[in-house]
């Protein structure tokens, strides 16, 4: 069992999440995406856009993720290339 955020004093609350492959993909209260690798018990990627991200829809392996920000705009995020 794990509780998120891992360190309550340094991190903000998680407001949305999705599972994809070996990843738990989370959005924190500031709108930042965090890719958490369950097997290694660690955060392996983080991304923050200009506008806070509100929703995510990853592909089954987690290698790509459709994101919607607080303005309703959508984009494709690739955590492998951080683009």
PDB file of N, CA and C in Angstrom:
ATOM      1  N   UNK A   1       0.837  -1.178   0.000  1.00  0.00           N
ATOM      2  CA  UNK A   1       0.000   0.000   0.000  1.00  0.00           C
ATOM      3  C   UNK A   1       0.884   1.244   0.000  1.00  0.00           C
ATOM      4  N   UNK A   2       0.504   2.233  -0.827  1.00  0.00           N
ATOM      5  CA  UNK A   2       1.226   3.501  -0.898  1.00  0.00           C
ATOM      6  C   UNK A   2       0.227   4.641  -0.833  1.00  0.00           C
ATOM      7  N   UNK A   3       0.614   5.731  -0.192  1.00  0.00           N
ATOM      8  CA  UNK A   3      -0.217   6.924  -0.132  1.00  0.00           C
ATOM      9  C   UNK A   3       0.493   8.036  -0.871  1.00  0.00           C
ATOM     10  N   UNK A   4      -0.289   8.830  -1.614  1.00  0.00           N
ATOM     11  CA  UNK A   4       0.275   9.932  -2.387  1.00  0.00           C
ATOM     12  C   UNK A   4      -0.345  11.228  -1.919  1.00  0.00           C
ATOM     13  N   UNK A   5       0.416  12.301  -1.885  1.00  0.00           N
ATOM     14  CA  UNK A   5       1.819  12.405  -2.243  1.00  0.00           C
ATOM     15  C   UNK A   5       2.705  11.656  -1.248  1.00  0.00           C
ATOM     16  N   UNK A   6       3.893  11.239  -1.717  1.00  0.00           N
ATOM     17  CA  UNK A   6       4.796  10.461  -0.886  1.00  0.00           C
ATOM     18  C   UNK A   6       5.320  11.271   0.295  1.00  0.00           C
ATOM     19  N   UNK A   7       5.621  12.552   0.065  1.00  0.00           N
ATOM     20  CA  UNK A   7       6.130  13.420   1.121  1.00  0.00           C
ATOM     21  C   UNK A   7       5.186  14.615   1.255  1.00  0.00           C
ATOM     22  N   UNK A   8       4.290  14.561   2.215  1.00  0.00           N
ATOM     23  CA  UNK A   8       3.260  15.598   2.345  1.00  0.00           C
ATOM     24  C   UNK A   8       3.830  16.987   2.591  1.00  0.00           C
ATOM     25  N   UNK A   9       5.020  17.099   3.134  1.00  0.00           N
ATOM     26  CA  UNK A   9       5.594  18.409   3.420  1.00  0.00           C
ATOM     27  C   UNK A   9       6.199  19.061   2.190  1.00  0.00           C
ATOM     28  N   UNK A  10       6.560  18.289   1.179  1.00  0.00           N
ATOM     29  CA  UNK A  10       7.202  18.836  -0.010  1.00  0.00           C
ATOM     30  C   UNK A  10       6.329  18.794  -1.250  1.00  0.00           C
ATOM     31  N   UNK A  11       5.247  18.041  -1.236  1.00  0.00           N
ATOM     32  CA  UNK A  11       4.429  17.877  -2.426  1.00  0.00           C
ATOM     33  C   UNK A  11       2.993  18.302  -2.166  1.00  0.00           C
ATOM     34  N   UNK A  12       2.295  18.642  -3.230  1.00  0.00           N
ATOM     35  CA  UNK A  12       0.893  19.030  -3.119  1.00  0.00           C
ATOM     36  C   UNK A  12      -0.012  17.832  -3.400  1.00  0.00           C
ATOM     37  N   UNK A  13      -1.260  17.942  -3.063  1.00  0.00           N
ATOM     38  CA  UNK A  13      -2.205  16.839  -3.205  1.00  0.00           C
ATOM     39  C   UNK A  13      -2.397  16.417  -4.649  1.00  0.00           C
ATOM     40  N   UNK A  14      -2.716  15.147  -4.831  1.00  0.00           N
ATOM     41  CA  UNK A  14      -3.021  14.573  -6.133  1.00  0.00           C
ATOM     42  C   UNK A  14      -4.519  14.765  -6.381  1.00  0.00           C
ATOM     43  N   UNK A  15      -4.872  15.287  -7.565  1.00  0.00           N
ATOM     44  CA  UNK A  15      -6.278  15.562  -7.860  1.00  0.00           C
ATOM     45  C   UNK A  15      -6.852  14.685  -8.971  1.00  0.00           C
ATOM     46  N   UNK A  16      -5.983  14.004  -9.742  1.00  0.00           N
ATOM     47  CA  UNK A  16      -6.444  13.142 -10.830  1.00  0.00           C
ATOM     48  C   UNK A  16      -5.347  12.122 -11.094  1.00  0.00           C
ATOM     49  N   UNK A  17      -5.730  10.935 -11.545  1.00  0.00           N
ATOM     50  CA  UNK A  17      -4.712   9.931 -11.863  1.00  0.00           C
ATOM     51  C   UNK A  17      -5.259   8.923 -12.871  1.00  0.00           C
ATOM     52  N   UNK A  18      -4.324   8.197 -13.479  1.00  0.00           N
ATOM     53  CA  UNK A  18      -4.662   7.140 -14.426  1.00  0.00           C
ATOM     54  C   UNK A  18      -3.562   6.086 -14.371  1.00  0.00           C
ATOM     55  N   UNK A  19      -3.920   4.839 -14.640  1.00  0.00           N
ATOM     56  CA  UNK A  19      -2.953   3.753 -14.723  1.00  0.00           C
ATOM     57  C   UNK A  19      -2.676   3.453 -16.189  1.00  0.00           C
ATOM     58  N   UNK A  20      -1.397   3.208 -16.496  1.00  0.00           N
ATOM     59  CA  UNK A  20      -1.010   2.837 -17.854  1.00  0.00           C
ATOM     60  C   UNK A  20       0.244   1.984 -17.766  1.00  0.00           C
ATOM     61  N   UNK A  21       0.144   0.738 -18.169  1.00  0.00           N
ATOM     62  CA  UNK A  21       1.293  -0.154 -18.085  1.00  0.00           C
ATOM     63  C   UNK A  21       1.796  -0.236 -16.649  1.00  0.00           C
ATOM     64  N   UNK A  22       3.074   0.027 -16.456  1.00  0.00           N
ATOM     65  CA  UNK A  22       3.689  -0.004 -15.128  1.00  0.00           C
ATOM     66  C   UNK A  22       3.664   1.354 -14.441  1.00  0.00           C
ATOM     67  N   UNK A  23       2.912   2.305 -15.002  1.00  0.00           N
ATOM     68  CA  UNK A  23       2.923   3.674 -14.494  1.00  0.00           C
ATOM     69  C   UNK A  23       1.610   4.069 -13.828  1.00  0.00           C
ATOM     70  N   UNK A  24       1.748   4.839 -12.774  1.00  0.00           N
ATOM     71  CA  UNK A  24       0.639   5.586 -12.212  1.00  0.00           C
ATOM     72  C   UNK A  24       0.914   7.026 -12.628  1.00  0.00           C
ATOM     73  N   UNK A  25       0.027   7.605 -13.416  1.00  0.00           N
ATOM     74  CA  UNK A  25       0.216   8.961 -13.928  1.00  0.00           C
ATOM     75  C   UNK A  25      -0.714   9.866 -13.128  1.00  0.00           C
ATOM     76  N   UNK A  26      -0.133  10.864 -12.477  1.00  0.00           N
ATOM     77  CA  UNK A  26      -0.892  11.698 -11.552  1.00  0.00           C
ATOM     78  C   UNK A  26      -0.832  13.163 -11.966  1.00  0.00           C
ATOM     79  N   UNK A  27      -1.869  13.901 -11.587  1.00  0.00           N
ATOM     80  CA  UNK A  27      -1.880  15.353 -11.721  1.00  0.00           C
ATOM     81  C   UNK A  27      -1.996  15.907 -10.306  1.00  0.00           C
ATOM     82  N   UNK A  28      -1.068  16.809  -9.947  1.00  0.00           N
ATOM     83  CA  UNK A  28      -1.166  17.395  -8.617  1.00  0.00           C
ATOM     84  C   UNK A  28      -2.034  18.653  -8.645  1.00  0.00           C
ATOM     85  N   UNK A  29      -2.279  19.238  -7.495  1.00  0.00           N
ATOM     86  CA  UNK A  29      -3.172  20.393  -7.377  1.00  0.00           C
ATOM     87  C   UNK A  29      -2.654  21.614  -8.129  1.00  0.00           C
ATOM     88  N   UNK A  30      -1.367  21.644  -8.472  1.00  0.00           N
ATOM     89  CA  UNK A  30      -0.794  22.742  -9.260  1.00  0.00           C
ATOM     90  C   UNK A  30      -0.881  22.487 -10.760  1.00  0.00           C
ATOM     91  N   UNK A  31      -1.416  21.331 -11.153  1.00  0.00           N
ATOM     92  CA  UNK A  31      -1.562  21.020 -12.577  1.00  0.00           C
ATOM     93  C   UNK A  31      -0.332  20.393 -13.197  1.00  0.00           C
ATOM     94  N   UNK A  32       0.556  19.837 -12.403  1.00  0.00           N
ATOM     95  CA  UNK A  32       1.770  19.188 -12.905  1.00  0.00           C
ATOM     96  C   UNK A  32       1.509  17.686 -13.062  1.00  0.00           C
ATOM     97  N   UNK A  33       1.980  17.122 -14.186  1.00  0.00           N
ATOM     98  CA  UNK A  33       1.894  15.677 -14.411  1.00  0.00           C
ATOM     99  C   UNK A  33       3.113  15.013 -13.783  1.00  0.00           C
ATOM    100  N   UNK A  34       2.874  13.891 -13.122  1.00  0.00           N
ATOM    101  CA  UNK A  34       3.959  13.090 -12.546  1.00  0.00           C
ATOM    102  C   UNK A  34       3.771  11.646 -12.974  1.00  0.00           C
ATOM    103  N   UNK A  35       4.812  11.079 -13.571  1.00  0.00           N
ATOM    104  CA  UNK A  35       4.824   9.666 -13.946  1.00  0.00           C
ATOM    105  C   UNK A  35       5.539   8.902 -12.840  1.00  0.00           C
ATOM    106  N   UNK A  36       4.823   7.988 -12.209  1.00  0.00           N
ATOM    107  CA  UNK A  36       5.348   7.202 -11.103  1.00  0.00           C
ATOM    108  C   UNK A  36       5.489   5.761 -11.571  1.00  0.00           C
ATOM    109  N   UNK A  37       6.712   5.237 -11.523  1.00  0.00           N
ATOM    110  CA  UNK A  37       6.973   3.856 -11.922  1.00  0.00           C
ATOM    111  C   UNK A  37       6.749   2.955 -10.705  1.00  0.00           C
ATOM    112  N   UNK A  38       5.700   2.174 -10.745  1.00  0.00           N
ATOM    113  CA  UNK A  38       5.300   1.357  -9.604  1.00  0.00           C
ATOM    114  C   UNK A  38       6.385   0.360  -9.224  1.00  0.00           C
ATOM    115  N   UNK A  39       6.991  -0.276 -10.212  1.00  0.00           N
ATOM    116  CA  UNK A  39       8.011  -1.293  -9.966  1.00  0.00           C
ATOM    117  C   UNK A  39       9.201  -0.758  -9.170  1.00  0.00           C
ATOM    118  N   UNK A  40       9.636   0.478  -9.501  1.00  0.00           N
ATOM    119  CA  UNK A  40      10.796   1.066  -8.828  1.00  0.00           C
ATOM    120  C   UNK A  40      10.420   1.970  -7.659  1.00  0.00           C
ATOM    121  N   UNK A  41       9.117   2.185  -7.442  1.00  0.00           N
ATOM    122  CA  UNK A  41       8.650   3.041  -6.363  1.00  0.00           C
ATOM    123  C   UNK A  41       9.258   4.440  -6.451  1.00  0.00           C
ATOM    124  N   UNK A  42       9.234   5.012  -7.680  1.00  0.00           N
ATOM    125  CA  UNK A  42       9.858   6.328  -7.864  1.00  0.00           C
ATOM    126  C   UNK A  42       9.172   7.119  -8.973  1.00  0.00           C
ATOM    127  N   UNK A  43       9.298   8.441  -8.885  1.00  0.00           N
ATOM    128  CA  UNK A  43       8.810   9.332  -9.924  1.00  0.00           C
ATOM    129  C   UNK A  43       9.873   9.392 -11.017  1.00  0.00           C
ATOM    130  N   UNK A  44       9.488   9.095 -12.261  1.00  0.00           N
ATOM    131  CA  UNK A  44      10.467   9.032 -13.350  1.00  0.00           C
ATOM    132  C   UNK A  44      10.348  10.184 -14.341  1.00  0.00           C
ATOM    133  N   UNK A  45       9.226  10.912 -14.301  1.00  0.00           N
ATOM    134  CA  UNK A  45       9.055  12.061 -15.204  1.00  0.00           C
ATOM    135  C   UNK A  45       8.061  13.033 -14.584  1.00  0.00           C
ATOM    136  N   UNK A  46       8.300  14.317 -14.841  1.00  0.00           N
ATOM    137  CA  UNK A  46       7.378  15.362 -14.409  1.00  0.00           C
ATOM    138  C   UNK A  46       7.252  16.379 -15.530  1.00  0.00           C
ATOM    139  N   UNK A  47       6.060  16.964 -15.658  1.00  0.00           N
ATOM    140  CA  UNK A  47       5.848  17.985 -16.686  1.00  0.00           C
ATOM    141  C   UNK A  47       4.855  19.016 -16.177  1.00  0.00           C
ATOM    142  N   UNK A  48       5.172  20.273 -16.364  1.00  0.00           N
ATOM    143  CA  UNK A  48       4.269  21.367 -16.008  1.00  0.00           C
ATOM    144  C   UNK A  48       4.142  22.280 -17.212  1.00  0.00           C
ATOM    145  N   UNK A  49       2.913  22.500 -17.656  1.00  0.00           N
ATOM    146  CA  UNK A  49       2.675  23.378 -18.795  1.00  0.00           C
ATOM    147  C   UNK A  49       2.375  24.794 -18.290  1.00  0.00           C
ATOM    148  N   UNK A  50       2.226  25.728 -19.232  1.00  0.00           N
ATOM    149  CA  UNK A  50       1.907  27.114 -18.873  1.00  0.00           C
ATOM    150  C   UNK A  50       0.585  27.199 -18.119  1.00  0.00           C
ATOM    151  N   UNK A  51      -0.397  26.439 -18.563  1.00  0.00           N
ATOM    152  CA  UNK A  51      -1.699  26.386 -17.898  1.00  0.00           C
ATOM    153  C   UNK A  51      -1.816  25.063 -17.153  1.00  0.00           C
ATOM    154  N   UNK A  52      -2.352  25.071 -15.943  1.00  0.00           N
ATOM    155  CA  UNK A  52      -2.470  23.830 -15.176  1.00  0.00           C
ATOM    156  C   UNK A  52      -3.245  22.750 -15.924  1.00  0.00           C
ATOM    157  N   UNK A  53      -2.747  21.538 -15.874  1.00  0.00           N
ATOM    158  CA  UNK A  53      -3.384  20.390 -16.517  1.00  0.00           C
ATOM    159  C   UNK A  53      -4.474  19.866 -15.587  1.00  0.00           C
ATOM    160  N   UNK A  54      -5.643  19.579 -16.165  1.00  0.00           N
ATOM    161  CA  UNK A  54      -6.793  19.124 -15.379  1.00  0.00           C
ATOM    162  C   UNK A  54      -7.155  17.667 -15.632  1.00  0.00           C
ATOM    163  N   UNK A  55      -6.937  17.171 -16.858  1.00  0.00           N
ATOM    164  CA  UNK A  55      -7.328  15.802 -17.207  1.00  0.00           C
ATOM    165  C   UNK A  55      -6.269  15.157 -18.068  1.00  0.00           C
ATOM    166  N   UNK A  56      -6.157  13.832 -17.945  1.00  0.00           N
ATOM    167  CA  UNK A  56      -5.200  13.061 -18.747  1.00  0.00           C
ATOM    168  C   UNK A  56      -5.855  11.778 -19.241  1.00  0.00           C
ATOM    169  N   UNK A  57      -5.434  11.347 -20.433  1.00  0.00           N
ATOM    170  CA  UNK A  57      -5.867  10.087 -21.022  1.00  0.00           C
ATOM    171  C   UNK A  57      -4.650   9.437 -21.667  1.00  0.00           C
ATOM    172  N   UNK A  58      -3.967   8.540 -20.944  1.00  0.00           N
ATOM    173  CA  UNK A  58      -2.773   7.902 -21.502  1.00  0.00           C
ATOM    174  C   UNK A  58      -3.132   6.744 -22.432  1.00  0.00           C
ATOM    175  N   UNK A  59      -2.167   6.412 -23.338  1.00  0.00           N
ATOM    176  CA  UNK A  59      -2.330   5.188 -24.118  1.00  0.00           C
ATOM    177  C   UNK A  59      -2.033   4.006 -23.181  1.00  0.00           C
ATOM    178  N   UNK A  60      -2.333   2.773 -23.577  1.00  0.00           N
ATOM    179  CA  UNK A  60      -2.190   1.628 -22.674  1.00  0.00           C
ATOM    180  C   UNK A  60      -0.783   1.436 -22.086  1.00  0.00           C
ATOM    181  N   UNK A  61       0.256   1.803 -22.814  1.00  0.00           N
ATOM    182  CA  UNK A  61       1.617   1.613 -22.300  1.00  0.00           C
ATOM    183  C   UNK A  61       2.132   2.822 -21.524  1.00  0.00           C
ATOM    184  N   UNK A  62       1.459   3.953 -21.626  1.00  0.00           N
ATOM    185  CA  UNK A  62       1.879   5.162 -20.925  1.00  0.00           C
ATOM    186  C   UNK A  62       2.927   5.975 -21.652  1.00  0.00           C
ATOM    187  N   UNK A  63       3.232   5.613 -22.903  1.00  0.00           N
ATOM    188  CA  UNK A  63       4.269   6.319 -23.654  1.00  0.00           C
ATOM    189  C   UNK A  63       3.791   7.622 -24.274  1.00  0.00           C
ATOM    190  N   UNK A  64       2.482   7.807 -24.295  1.00  0.00           N
ATOM    191  CA  UNK A  64       1.887   9.057 -24.782  1.00  0.00           C
ATOM    192  C   UNK A  64       0.653   9.338 -23.938  1.00  0.00           C
ATOM    193  N   UNK A  65       0.341  10.626 -23.809  1.00  0.00           N
ATOM    194  CA  UNK A  65      -0.767  10.995 -22.949  1.00  0.00           C
ATOM    195  C   UNK A  65      -1.466  12.234 -23.525  1.00  0.00           C
ATOM    196  N   UNK A  66      -2.755  12.141 -23.746  1.00  0.00           N
ATOM    197  CA  UNK A  66      -3.534  13.308 -24.136  1.00  0.00           C
ATOM    198  C   UNK A  66      -3.839  14.082 -22.852  1.00  0.00           C
ATOM    199  N   UNK A  67      -3.600  15.375 -22.884  1.00  0.00           N
ATOM    200  CA  UNK A  67      -3.802  16.224 -21.707  1.00  0.00           C
ATOM    201  C   UNK A  67      -4.746  17.367 -22.053  1.00  0.00           C
ATOM    202  N   UNK A  68      -5.563  17.772 -21.080  1.00  0.00           N
ATOM    203  CA  UNK A  68      -6.399  18.948 -21.230  1.00  0.00           C
ATOM    204  C   UNK A  68      -6.066  19.897 -20.088  1.00  0.00           C
ATOM    205  N   UNK A  69      -5.821  21.171 -20.456  1.00  0.00           N
ATOM    206  CA  UNK A  69      -5.488  22.150 -19.426  1.00  0.00           C
ATOM    207  C   UNK A  69      -6.739  22.874 -18.942  1.00  0.00           C
ATOM    208  N   UNK A  70      -6.554  23.813 -18.021  1.00  0.00           N
ATOM    209  CA  UNK A  70      -7.700  24.488 -17.423  1.00  0.00           C
ATOM    210  C   UNK A  70      -8.419  25.445 -18.372  1.00  0.00           C
ATOM    211  N   UNK A  71      -7.856  25.701 -19.557  1.00  0.00           N
ATOM    212  CA  UNK A  71      -8.538  26.539 -20.556  1.00  0.00           C
ATOM    213  C   UNK A  71      -9.351  25.702 -21.539  1.00  0.00           C
ATOM    214  N   UNK A  72      -9.269  24.368 -21.412  1.00  0.00           N
ATOM    215  CA  UNK A  72      -9.978  23.476 -22.322  1.00  0.00           C
ATOM    216  C   UNK A  72      -9.161  23.062 -23.525  1.00  0.00           C
ATOM    217  N   UNK A  73      -7.928  23.555 -23.638  1.00  0.00           N
ATOM    218  CA  UNK A  73      -7.054  23.163 -24.748  1.00  0.00           C
ATOM    219  C   UNK A  73      -6.434  21.806 -24.464  1.00  0.00           C
ATOM    220  N   UNK A  74      -6.254  21.035 -25.533  1.00  0.00           N
ATOM    221  CA  UNK A  74      -5.657  19.720 -25.410  1.00  0.00           C
ATOM    222  C   UNK A  74      -4.346  19.633 -26.154  1.00  0.00           C
ATOM    223  N   UNK A  75      -3.490  18.705 -25.717  1.00  0.00           N
ATOM    224  CA  UNK A  75      -2.221  18.467 -26.389  1.00  0.00           C
ATOM    225  C   UNK A  75      -1.756  17.052 -26.075  1.00  0.00           C
ATOM    226  N   UNK A  76      -0.800  16.582 -26.885  1.00  0.00           N
ATOM    227  CA  UNK A  76      -0.221  15.256 -26.699  1.00  0.00           C
ATOM    228  C   UNK A  76       1.106  15.401 -25.986  1.00  0.00           C
ATOM    229  N   UNK A  77       1.271  14.719 -24.875  1.00  0.00           N
ATOM    230  CA  UNK A  77       2.524  14.737 -24.120  1.00  0.00           C
ATOM    231  C   UNK A  77       3.240  13.406 -24.294  1.00  0.00           C
ATOM    232  N   UNK A  78       4.539  13.466 -24.578  1.00  0.00           N
ATOM    233  CA  UNK A  78       5.369  12.284 -24.727  1.00  0.00           C
ATOM    234  C   UNK A  78       6.408  12.314 -23.595  1.00  0.00           C
ATOM    235  N   UNK A  79       6.266  11.500 -22.554  1.00  0.00           N
ATOM    236  CA  UNK A  79       7.202  11.527 -21.435  1.00  0.00           C
ATOM    237  C   UNK A  79       8.586  11.001 -21.787  1.00  0.00           C
ATOM    238  N   UNK A  80       8.685  10.177 -22.821  1.00  0.00           N
ATOM    239  CA  UNK A  80       9.985   9.646 -23.228  1.00  0.00           C
ATOM    240  C   UNK A  80      10.880  10.755 -23.753  1.00  0.00           C
ATOM    241  N   UNK A  81      10.319  11.663 -24.544  1.00  0.00           N
ATOM    242  CA  UNK A  81      11.072  12.771 -25.109  1.00  0.00           C
ATOM    243  C   UNK A  81      10.835  14.078 -24.351  1.00  0.00           C
ATOM    244  N   UNK A  82       9.965  14.054 -23.343  1.00  0.00           N
ATOM    245  CA  UNK A  82       9.570  15.235 -22.569  1.00  0.00           C
ATOM    246  C   UNK A  82       9.110  16.357 -23.489  1.00  0.00           C
ATOM    247  N   UNK A  83       8.230  15.982 -24.419  1.00  0.00           N
ATOM    248  CA  UNK A  83       7.725  16.975 -25.384  1.00  0.00           C
ATOM    249  C   UNK A  83       6.211  16.890 -25.493  1.00  0.00           C
TER     250      UNK A  83
END
